[in-house]
Amino acid sequence: MTNRLPHSLRSDARDNRERILAAARTAFAEQGLDVAMREIARRAEVGPATLYRHFPTKEAPVTDVFTEQMTVCVTIVEEGLADPDPWRGFCQMIERMCAQQARDQGFTAAFVSAFPRATDFAAGRERTLGKIAELARRAKAEGGLRPDFVLDDLIMVLMANGGIRTTSPAAAVAASRRFAALLIQGLRAEPPVLPLPPAVRLPLTTVI
């Protein structure tokens, strides 16, 4: 009995941590990073003391939850870089990042937030921004992307896209797709008039 007890405690601790991360992942996706730590504890069915024992600050679960998401983001950017047409790769990167954000409100909130103590996450973000800057440089050199585009514009795009509120996840993705199409036309060095994806009816309260 005595020999089995430490292993049992470690197992319980792992289970608690996994439940907390699962609850945090769902809460961040639905509500962004404004969700309270006590709400995460409630969803995970653990006490606040257990939550803070595993994650003393909100940066801690954010870092763990979004490490996997950051890998997805890096893949999106690298696939854009791999496209032989830099402008097409840049457009695909914008479209896919906006769609990813529409599915998970917490990811971009984490991406654009400053968490000084979450050094690993910050380093991953900086590497990703470096790859985006290289893709933008190529798209400018090819003549597709307007020359005055800067990385701050991308952050502004993600902030704006994150403000879209709809009645369902599917509507959010559809609205984000149209937003990305409008944006891309504005980012072209010589914008042509192209048809947009279908419009999405938005609740009136989201535009007041």
C-alpha atoms as a PDB file:
ATOM      1  CA  MET A   1       0.000   0.000   0.000  1.00  0.00           C
ATOM      2  CA  THR A   2       2.746   2.455   0.993  1.00  0.00           C
ATOM      3  CA  ASN A   3       4.781   1.729  -2.148  1.00  0.00           C
ATOM      4  CA  ARG A   4       1.786   2.263  -4.421  1.00  0.00           C
ATOM      5  CA  LEU A   5       0.697   5.583  -2.887  1.00  0.00           C
ATOM      6  CA  PRO A   6       3.240   7.944  -4.545  1.00  0.00           C
ATOM      7  CA  HIS A   7       2.486   6.466  -7.970  1.00  0.00           C
ATOM      8  CA  SER A   8      -1.256   6.926  -7.340  1.00  0.00           C
ATOM      9  CA  LEU A   9      -0.721  10.545  -6.340  1.00  0.00           C
ATOM     10  CA  ARG A  10       1.338  11.205  -9.454  1.00  0.00           C
ATOM     11  CA  SER A  11      -1.393   9.597 -11.567  1.00  0.00           C
ATOM     12  CA  ASP A  12      -4.058  11.793  -9.944  1.00  0.00           C
ATOM     13  CA  ALA A  13      -1.926  14.873 -10.529  1.00  0.00           C
ATOM     14  CA  ARG A  14      -1.478  13.981 -14.218  1.00  0.00           C
ATOM     15  CA  ASP A  15      -5.227  13.433 -14.570  1.00  0.00           C
ATOM     16  CA  ASN A  16      -5.955  16.800 -12.969  1.00  0.00           C
ATOM     17  CA  ARG A  17      -3.471  18.553 -15.222  1.00  0.00           C
ATOM     18  CA  GLU A  18      -4.937  16.948 -18.347  1.00  0.00           C
ATOM     19  CA  ARG A  19      -8.482  17.902 -17.314  1.00  0.00           C
ATOM     20  CA  ILE A  20      -7.397  21.480 -16.639  1.00  0.00           C
ATOM     21  CA  LEU A  21      -5.687  21.769 -20.029  1.00  0.00           C
ATOM     22  CA  ALA A  22      -8.711  20.287 -21.812  1.00  0.00           C
ATOM     23  CA  ALA A  23     -11.017  22.733 -20.024  1.00  0.00           C
ATOM     24  CA  ALA A  24      -8.690  25.653 -20.761  1.00  0.00           C
ATOM     25  CA  ARG A  25      -8.461  24.700 -24.436  1.00  0.00           C
ATOM     26  CA  THR A  26     -12.252  24.694 -24.790  1.00  0.00           C
ATOM     27  CA  ALA A  27     -12.749  27.872 -22.758  1.00  0.00           C
ATOM     28  CA  PHE A  28     -10.085  29.827 -24.655  1.00  0.00           C
ATOM     29  CA  ALA A  29     -11.504  28.685 -27.996  1.00  0.00           C
ATOM     30  CA  GLU A  30     -15.017  29.802 -27.042  1.00  0.00           C
ATOM     31  CA  GLN A  31     -14.292  32.990 -25.086  1.00  0.00           C
ATOM     32  CA  GLY A  32     -10.725  34.041 -25.823  1.00  0.00           C
ATOM     33  CA  LEU A  33      -8.283  34.803 -23.036  1.00  0.00           C
ATOM     34  CA  ASP A  34     -10.758  36.826 -20.960  1.00  0.00           C
ATOM     35  CA  VAL A  35     -12.087  33.650 -19.366  1.00  0.00           C
ATOM     36  CA  ALA A  36     -11.414  33.612 -15.628  1.00  0.00           C
ATOM     37  CA  MET A  37      -9.135  31.032 -14.052  1.00  0.00           C
ATOM     38  CA  ARG A  38     -11.971  30.042 -11.708  1.00  0.00           C
ATOM     39  CA  GLU A  39     -14.117  29.258 -14.746  1.00  0.00           C
ATOM     40  CA  ILE A  40     -11.383  26.942 -16.031  1.00  0.00           C
ATOM     41  CA  ALA A  41     -11.299  25.245 -12.617  1.00  0.00           C
ATOM     42  CA  ARG A  42     -15.089  24.856 -12.687  1.00  0.00           C
ATOM     43  CA  ARG A  43     -15.028  23.277 -16.140  1.00  0.00           C
ATOM     44  CA  ALA A  44     -12.203  20.954 -15.117  1.00  0.00           C
ATOM     45  CA  GLU A  45     -14.063  20.037 -11.908  1.00  0.00           C
ATOM     46  CA  VAL A  46     -11.094  20.850  -9.706  1.00  0.00           C
ATOM     47  CA  GLY A  47     -10.675  23.352  -6.905  1.00  0.00           C
ATOM     48  CA  PRO A  48      -8.906  26.695  -7.413  1.00  0.00           C
ATOM     49  CA  ALA A  49      -6.025  25.484  -5.241  1.00  0.00           C
ATOM     50  CA  THR A  50      -5.475  22.495  -7.541  1.00  0.00           C
ATOM     51  CA  LEU A  51      -5.602  24.749 -10.596  1.00  0.00           C
ATOM     52  CA  TYR A  52      -3.041  27.201  -9.220  1.00  0.00           C
ATOM     53  CA  ARG A  53      -0.781  24.375  -8.036  1.00  0.00           C
ATOM     54  CA  HIS A  54      -0.434  23.242 -11.649  1.00  0.00           C
ATOM     55  CA  PHE A  55      -0.676  26.685 -13.291  1.00  0.00           C
ATOM     56  CA  PRO A  56       0.298  29.584 -10.985  1.00  0.00           C
ATOM     57  CA  THR A  57      -0.466  32.214 -13.681  1.00  0.00           C
ATOM     58  CA  LYS A  58      -2.744  32.425 -16.716  1.00  0.00           C
ATOM     59  CA  GLU A  59       0.340  32.540 -18.956  1.00  0.00           C
ATOM     60  CA  ALA A  60       1.105  28.932 -17.971  1.00  0.00           C
ATOM     61  CA  PRO A  61      -2.028  27.245 -19.405  1.00  0.00           C
ATOM     62  CA  VAL A  62      -1.982  29.624 -22.384  1.00  0.00           C
ATOM     63  CA  THR A  63       1.544  28.520 -23.217  1.00  0.00           C
ATOM     64  CA  ASP A  64       0.749  24.825 -22.875  1.00  0.00           C
ATOM     65  CA  VAL A  65      -2.569  24.981 -24.720  1.00  0.00           C
ATOM     66  CA  PHE A  66      -1.279  26.995 -27.650  1.00  0.00           C
ATOM     67  CA  THR A  67       2.082  25.341 -28.208  1.00  0.00           C
ATOM     68  CA  GLU A  68       0.342  22.848 -30.482  1.00  0.00           C
ATOM     69  CA  GLN A  69      -1.617  25.647 -32.168  1.00  0.00           C
ATOM     70  CA  MET A  70       1.599  27.559 -32.782  1.00  0.00           C
ATOM     71  CA  THR A  71       2.888  24.520 -34.658  1.00  0.00           C
ATOM     72  CA  VAL A  72      -0.216  24.718 -36.877  1.00  0.00           C
ATOM     73  CA  CYS A  73       0.465  28.410 -37.483  1.00  0.00           C
ATOM     74  CA  VAL A  74       4.085  27.739 -38.408  1.00  0.00           C
ATOM     75  CA  THR A  75       2.945  25.045 -40.843  1.00  0.00           C
ATOM     76  CA  ILE A  76       0.554  27.504 -42.507  1.00  0.00           C
ATOM     77  CA  VAL A  77       3.325  30.063 -42.966  1.00  0.00           C
ATOM     78  CA  GLU A  78       5.889  27.506 -44.163  1.00  0.00           C
ATOM     79  CA  GLU A  79       3.469  26.156 -46.751  1.00  0.00           C
ATOM     80  CA  GLY A  80       2.967  29.716 -47.965  1.00  0.00           C
ATOM     81  CA  LEU A  81       6.739  30.101 -48.262  1.00  0.00           C
ATOM     82  CA  ALA A  82       6.942  26.831 -50.206  1.00  0.00           C
ATOM     83  CA  ASP A  83       4.510  28.064 -52.885  1.00  0.00           C
ATOM     84  CA  PRO A  84       6.467  29.012 -56.045  1.00  0.00           C
ATOM     85  CA  ASP A  85       4.133  32.022 -56.427  1.00  0.00           C
ATOM     86  CA  PRO A  86       4.920  34.266 -53.397  1.00  0.00           C
ATOM     87  CA  TRP A  87       1.750  36.347 -53.746  1.00  0.00           C
ATOM     88  CA  ARG A  88      -0.446  33.249 -53.901  1.00  0.00           C
ATOM     89  CA  GLY A  89       1.392  31.815 -50.900  1.00  0.00           C
ATOM     90  CA  PHE A  90       0.880  35.068 -49.001  1.00  0.00           C
ATOM     91  CA  CYS A  91      -2.858  35.099 -49.798  1.00  0.00           C
ATOM     92  CA  GLN A  92      -3.269  31.490 -48.717  1.00  0.00           C
ATOM     93  CA  MET A  93      -1.458  32.265 -45.487  1.00  0.00           C
ATOM     94  CA  ILE A  94      -3.848  35.167 -44.729  1.00  0.00           C
ATOM     95  CA  GLU A  95      -6.928  33.086 -45.565  1.00  0.00           C
ATOM     96  CA  ARG A  96      -5.857  30.115 -43.461  1.00  0.00           C
ATOM     97  CA  MET A  97      -4.765  32.186 -40.458  1.00  0.00           C
ATOM     98  CA  CYS A  98      -8.093  34.046 -40.440  1.00  0.00           C
ATOM     99  CA  ALA A  99      -9.983  30.749 -40.681  1.00  0.00           C
ATOM    100  CA  GLN A 100      -7.918  29.266 -37.846  1.00  0.00           C
ATOM    101  CA  GLN A 101      -8.730  32.280 -35.711  1.00  0.00           C
ATOM    102  CA  ALA A 102     -12.449  32.014 -36.519  1.00  0.00           C
ATOM    103  CA  ARG A 103     -12.406  28.437 -35.203  1.00  0.00           C
ATOM    104  CA  ASP A 104     -10.410  29.280 -32.068  1.00  0.00           C
ATOM    105  CA  GLN A 105     -10.761  32.757 -30.571  1.00  0.00           C
ATOM    106  CA  GLY A 106      -8.084  32.111 -27.985  1.00  0.00           C
ATOM    107  CA  PHE A 107      -5.236  31.350 -30.358  1.00  0.00           C
ATOM    108  CA  THR A 108      -4.801  34.774 -31.914  1.00  0.00           C
ATOM    109  CA  ALA A 109      -5.492  36.456 -28.582  1.00  0.00           C
ATOM    110  CA  ALA A 110      -2.492  34.551 -27.265  1.00  0.00           C
ATOM    111  CA  PHE A 111      -0.500  35.292 -30.415  1.00  0.00           C
ATOM    112  CA  VAL A 112      -0.887  39.072 -30.094  1.00  0.00           C
ATOM    113  CA  SER A 113      -0.659  39.277 -26.272  1.00  0.00           C
ATOM    114  CA  ALA A 114       2.478  40.038 -24.310  1.00  0.00           C
ATOM    115  CA  PHE A 115       3.405  37.298 -21.826  1.00  0.00           C
ATOM    116  CA  PRO A 116       6.948  38.185 -20.718  1.00  0.00           C
ATOM    117  CA  ARG A 117       7.319  35.078 -18.526  1.00  0.00           C
ATOM    118  CA  ALA A 118       6.192  32.678 -21.275  1.00  0.00           C
ATOM    119  CA  THR A 119       9.564  32.775 -23.002  1.00  0.00           C
ATOM    120  CA  ASP A 120       9.110  29.627 -25.109  1.00  0.00           C
ATOM    121  CA  PHE A 121       5.818  30.838 -26.531  1.00  0.00           C
ATOM    122  CA  ALA A 122       7.258  34.305 -27.204  1.00  0.00           C
ATOM    123  CA  ALA A 123      10.245  32.776 -28.997  1.00  0.00           C
ATOM    124  CA  GLY A 124       7.952  30.660 -31.178  1.00  0.00           C
ATOM    125  CA  ARG A 125       5.916  33.725 -32.035  1.00  0.00           C
ATOM    126  CA  GLU A 126       9.024  35.679 -33.017  1.00  0.00           C
ATOM    127  CA  ARG A 127      10.191  32.852 -35.285  1.00  0.00           C
ATOM    128  CA  THR A 128       6.765  32.749 -36.914  1.00  0.00           C
ATOM    129  CA  LEU A 129       6.731  36.511 -37.447  1.00  0.00           C
ATOM    130  CA  GLY A 130      10.169  36.238 -39.049  1.00  0.00           C
ATOM    131  CA  LYS A 131       8.847  33.680 -41.531  1.00  0.00           C
ATOM    132  CA  ILE A 132       5.824  35.888 -42.274  1.00  0.00           C
ATOM    133  CA  ALA A 133       8.158  38.835 -42.889  1.00  0.00           C
ATOM    134  CA  GLU A 134      10.146  36.744 -45.364  1.00  0.00           C
ATOM    135  CA  LEU A 135       6.972  35.687 -47.190  1.00  0.00           C
ATOM    136  CA  ALA A 136       5.840  39.317 -47.354  1.00  0.00           C
ATOM    137  CA  ARG A 137       9.257  40.385 -48.682  1.00  0.00           C
ATOM    138  CA  ARG A 138       9.034  37.819 -51.489  1.00  0.00           C
ATOM    139  CA  ALA A 139       5.451  38.829 -52.327  1.00  0.00           C
ATOM    140  CA  LYS A 140       6.532  42.475 -52.557  1.00  0.00           C
ATOM    141  CA  ALA A 141       9.523  41.624 -54.737  1.00  0.00           C
ATOM    142  CA  GLU A 142       7.259  39.628 -57.069  1.00  0.00           C
ATOM    143  CA  GLY A 143       4.981  42.664 -57.384  1.00  0.00           C
ATOM    144  CA  GLY A 144       1.825  41.205 -55.866  1.00  0.00           C
ATOM    145  CA  LEU A 145       1.875  42.717 -52.363  1.00  0.00           C
ATOM    146  CA  ARG A 146       1.712  46.475 -51.934  1.00  0.00           C
ATOM    147  CA  PRO A 147       5.124  47.828 -50.898  1.00  0.00           C
ATOM    148  CA  ASP A 148       3.948  49.639 -47.762  1.00  0.00           C
ATOM    149  CA  PHE A 149       2.701  46.480 -45.997  1.00  0.00           C
ATOM    150  CA  VAL A 150       4.307  45.943 -42.571  1.00  0.00           C
ATOM    151  CA  LEU A 151       3.943  43.194 -39.959  1.00  0.00           C
ATOM    152  CA  ASP A 152       1.903  45.497 -37.739  1.00  0.00           C
ATOM    153  CA  ASP A 153      -0.736  45.389 -40.482  1.00  0.00           C
ATOM    154  CA  LEU A 154      -1.049  41.632 -40.010  1.00  0.00           C
ATOM    155  CA  ILE A 155      -1.520  42.055 -36.263  1.00  0.00           C
ATOM    156  CA  MET A 156      -4.231  44.638 -36.996  1.00  0.00           C
ATOM    157  CA  VAL A 157      -5.886  42.208 -39.421  1.00  0.00           C
ATOM    158  CA  LEU A 158      -5.963  39.459 -36.786  1.00  0.00           C
ATOM    159  CA  MET A 159      -7.397  41.852 -34.207  1.00  0.00           C
ATOM    160  CA  ALA A 160     -10.131  42.897 -36.635  1.00  0.00           C
ATOM    161  CA  ASN A 161     -10.879  39.336 -37.690  1.00  0.00           C
ATOM    162  CA  GLY A 162     -11.115  38.345 -34.040  1.00  0.00           C
ATOM    163  CA  GLY A 163     -13.907  40.889 -33.577  1.00  0.00           C
ATOM    164  CA  ILE A 164     -16.281  39.005 -35.879  1.00  0.00           C
ATOM    165  CA  ARG A 165     -19.255  37.671 -33.914  1.00  0.00           C
ATOM    166  CA  THR A 166     -21.780  35.320 -35.464  1.00  0.00           C
ATOM    167  CA  THR A 167     -24.493  32.871 -34.464  1.00  0.00           C
ATOM    168  CA  SER A 168     -22.506  29.689 -35.122  1.00  0.00           C
ATOM    169  CA  PRO A 169     -18.931  28.444 -35.698  1.00  0.00           C
ATOM    170  CA  ALA A 170     -19.731  27.738 -39.354  1.00  0.00           C
ATOM    171  CA  ALA A 171     -20.992  31.291 -39.848  1.00  0.00           C
ATOM    172  CA  ALA A 172     -17.840  32.630 -38.172  1.00  0.00           C
ATOM    173  CA  VAL A 173     -15.626  30.762 -40.651  1.00  0.00           C
ATOM    174  CA  ALA A 174     -17.744  31.946 -43.595  1.00  0.00           C
ATOM    175  CA  ALA A 175     -17.649  35.565 -42.404  1.00  0.00           C
ATOM    176  CA  SER A 176     -13.901  35.315 -41.850  1.00  0.00           C
ATOM    177  CA  ARG A 177     -13.464  33.978 -45.394  1.00  0.00           C
ATOM    178  CA  ARG A 178     -15.258  37.010 -46.835  1.00  0.00           C
ATOM    179  CA  PHE A 179     -13.269  39.367 -44.601  1.00  0.00           C
ATOM    180  CA  ALA A 180     -10.012  37.788 -45.796  1.00  0.00           C
ATOM    181  CA  ALA A 181     -11.086  38.203 -49.431  1.00  0.00           C
ATOM    182  CA  LEU A 182     -11.850  41.900 -48.880  1.00  0.00           C
ATOM    183  CA  LEU A 183      -8.533  42.335 -47.119  1.00  0.00           C
ATOM    184  CA  ILE A 184      -6.494  40.577 -49.803  1.00  0.00           C
ATOM    185  CA  GLN A 185      -7.937  42.829 -52.498  1.00  0.00           C
ATOM    186  CA  GLY A 186      -6.837  45.825 -50.460  1.00  0.00           C
ATOM    187  CA  LEU A 187      -3.330  44.408 -50.065  1.00  0.00           C
ATOM    188  CA  ARG A 188      -2.698  43.873 -53.753  1.00  0.00           C
ATOM    189  CA  ALA A 189      -0.188  46.238 -55.320  1.00  0.00           C
ATOM    190  CA  GLU A 190      -2.712  46.865 -58.121  1.00  0.00           C
ATOM    191  CA  PRO A 191      -6.077  45.651 -56.825  1.00  0.00           C
ATOM    192  CA  PRO A 192      -8.433  44.241 -59.471  1.00  0.00           C
ATOM    193  CA  VAL A 193     -12.181  43.998 -58.885  1.00  0.00           C
ATOM    194  CA  LEU A 194     -12.849  40.351 -58.033  1.00  0.00           C
ATOM    195  CA  PRO A 195     -16.022  38.612 -56.799  1.00  0.00           C
ATOM    196  CA  LEU A 196     -16.225  38.099 -53.049  1.00  0.00           C
ATOM    197  CA  PRO A 197     -17.277  34.964 -51.185  1.00  0.00           C
ATOM    198  CA  PRO A 198     -20.960  34.898 -50.143  1.00  0.00           C
ATOM    199  CA  ALA A 199     -22.032  37.471 -47.568  1.00  0.00           C
ATOM    200  CA  VAL A 200     -22.894  36.286 -44.061  1.00  0.00           C
ATOM    201  CA  ARG A 201     -25.824  37.785 -42.145  1.00  0.00           C
ATOM    202  CA  LEU A 202     -24.456  39.034 -38.819  1.00  0.00           C
ATOM    203  CA  PRO A 203     -26.482  39.707 -35.662  1.00  0.00           C
ATOM    204  CA  LEU A 204     -27.298  43.411 -35.419  1.00  0.00           C
ATOM    205  CA  THR A 205     -25.794  43.648 -31.921  1.00  0.00           C
ATOM    206  CA  THR A 206     -22.334  42.868 -33.307  1.00  0.00           C
ATOM    207  CA  VAL A 207     -22.229  46.053 -35.397  1.00  0.00           C
ATOM    208  CA  ILE A 208     -23.627  48.553 -32.895  1.00  0.00           C
END
